[in-house]
Each structure stands twice: as structure tokens, then as C-alpha cells.
């Protein structure tokens, strides 16, 4: 006896009136086909139940807040990082600049501020970034680092830089001296008023002092490598800024912390000069200090030309990177689960675009800025 096929039995479940009279008569008298039909019907009902589940609607804002809360819990469980403690003795306003991906050879200068002028003698250019590289970091890299140490005298002309928050586009353009950057079009979900942050061109310096470091380490009970004569007495002179940041998606009246949907930033590239110590001497010494994670030190040493390369911190396990072309120059694309960003340098200016967007969206914005 020829039994009904699985397709015919499924048709009985989906369209019982579509069967031919011959197939219907066979089904009504065949126990084997009825048993097979029950199995097919059970599978069909299970599939229908799964398809009736509500659609998944991802909430990037909630996801970001969840990740941020986890990071804060991890941060609270470990001592302050070595560069955070160093920065804390100068100015709270510069904490956002303190990242382990800033080349350690510039830690004394970039972590304490932006630039000073008027140093005597010939200068050695030790940092002027024209390329960008990713450095993988994680909170565990800095767990258990040592006490804050005094590496020397910090000087500001006239004062430490302080970001200014503005809501007026004309004022932001005038105070920064930089043009406002506007994309050709904004993606869906990016709207509302634009806020501005401005950091003017600032000057500051650090003069290394072996005796101050020795006394600071003794007071804190920390064992450090003695500062060599080639570094002690040298002054790092940094010129950087101005910087202009444009932010979409923030409301001054909101009661809770907000996450920008789009950020466009630009800054003149910083330059760092030394009155004595070379870039190689600074790198060798500072990377050998206690509290510098071996993995971070290895990544920084692997940079072919640290004097012209800006390291960008990338959290391990939370983001990936890839090289891209942006407006005819090389850039770094950063991809995360809740957003994306791209950083590049062109004509002496470092640019960055990022937010709660896809990689394609941030690249589209970056390539259409005018």
C-alpha cells in the first residue's frame, strides 16, 4: 500500500481542504499515516509557538548603562591606577585624558597637561603624532599598582586647561578657533540640539627631578628604578590644542546620566619637545617603572615609531579595531556591541567620530564632514 508523503500530511495540517478525495480517503482508513500526521502536527505547533514570541528590540542605551555599571564595579574593586594618581595631584579637569594608551614616554607631559614654552637651549622633538595605533587594555592590567609618585615640577602658562561647556555654536567656533564640522546627513535617531565642549590652546611643562622621585618613593614605601642623569633635569615641553567637541543627544534638563548618540571631535596635534632626554631614553625608563603592566609596555615598545604614533586605548573583549581609509588618509575604526567610532589625522588635526551607531554610519559621517 502506498502511504501519504510527509508533504501531503503537512498539507492536512495547514490546508485540510486542499487534499484530493483519494488522499483524504486513504488518510481516514490508514492508522500509520495518522500516527505520522500527529508527529508532524506536534512539530508544526511548536514552531508556530516559537514564531509568536515578541520581536527582539535592542536598547543600546540600557546596554551601555549596564556595561558602564559593570566597569564601575570593577573599578571600585581595585586601587586607582598609577596615571590616575599622578593626574590627581595636578587637576581633576584632565582625568578624561588619563588613559594607559597614551604613550608612557609622554606620561610625564601629557598626563599632567598640555604644554609650555620658553625653555632654554636646543630642543629635541619627542612626540608629534601623524598615525594612530590601537593598544588593548583592561582594568585587571592595572590592579595592585603602586602609590602616586612625584617625578618633578609641573608648570602651567597661564593655568591648567579647563574644558568649557557651551550651547552656542558661534561661541564654540570663536573660542576654539576651529571650524564647526557638519555631516552631509545625520542617521536616524540622531537629532536634537548640539552641545559643545572647548579646550583652548594651553601650555605646560614637567621638569624631571631624580631627588624628588627618590624622596617620594621613600615616603610611599615604593621601590622604583633610579632616574638616570640623562633624564633628571630634562624638561618636557608640550604644545597642544585647541580642541572642539560637538555632541548630539544630550539634554540639559535630563535628571539621569545620558549617553550621546553622536560625538564629533577635533584637536590640533600635540607636540612634545625635550631639553635633553631623547624619546628612546624616556621610553626605556618610564616603561620600566613599577605599575606599568608588562602587556601594555610590550605593546608600546612594539610601536615602530613612538614619536609619531598616537596610541588609542581599546578595552579587551569589548571592542575590536581595523584599519580604514578616511578622506584619503589612514584611520582606525573601532567596533563595539553598542556603538562604533573612527579616529584619523589629517593636515595636523586629529579627528574622531563616534556614538551609538554602526561602523558604516560613523564612516559615512566621517567622509562627509564639511
Foldseek 3Di string as FASTA:
>chain_A
DDADDPVVLVCCVVPVVPDDPVNVVRVVPDPVSVVSSVVVNVVVVVVVVVVPPDDDDDDLFVVVVVVVVVQVVLVVVADDAQLQQQLVVADPQCVVQDDLQFQLLCSQPSSRAAFDDDDDDDKAWQAWAAAEDEAEDAPVLQGPFAHHFDFFDKFWVVGGWHKDKAQDQVVLCVQFVDDDKDFPDADPPWDDGKIKIWTHKIHMKGAGAQVRRVVRCVVRVHDWDGDDPQRHRKMKGKTWGTKMKIFTDDDPPDPDDTFTQKMKMKIFTMIIIMNGHHNVSSLVRSCRTTSNRPSSNVVSVPPPRRRHYRYDYDYPPFWDWDWDAAPRFIWIWIDGPQKIKIWHDDPRMIIMMMHRDGSVNRRSRRNRID
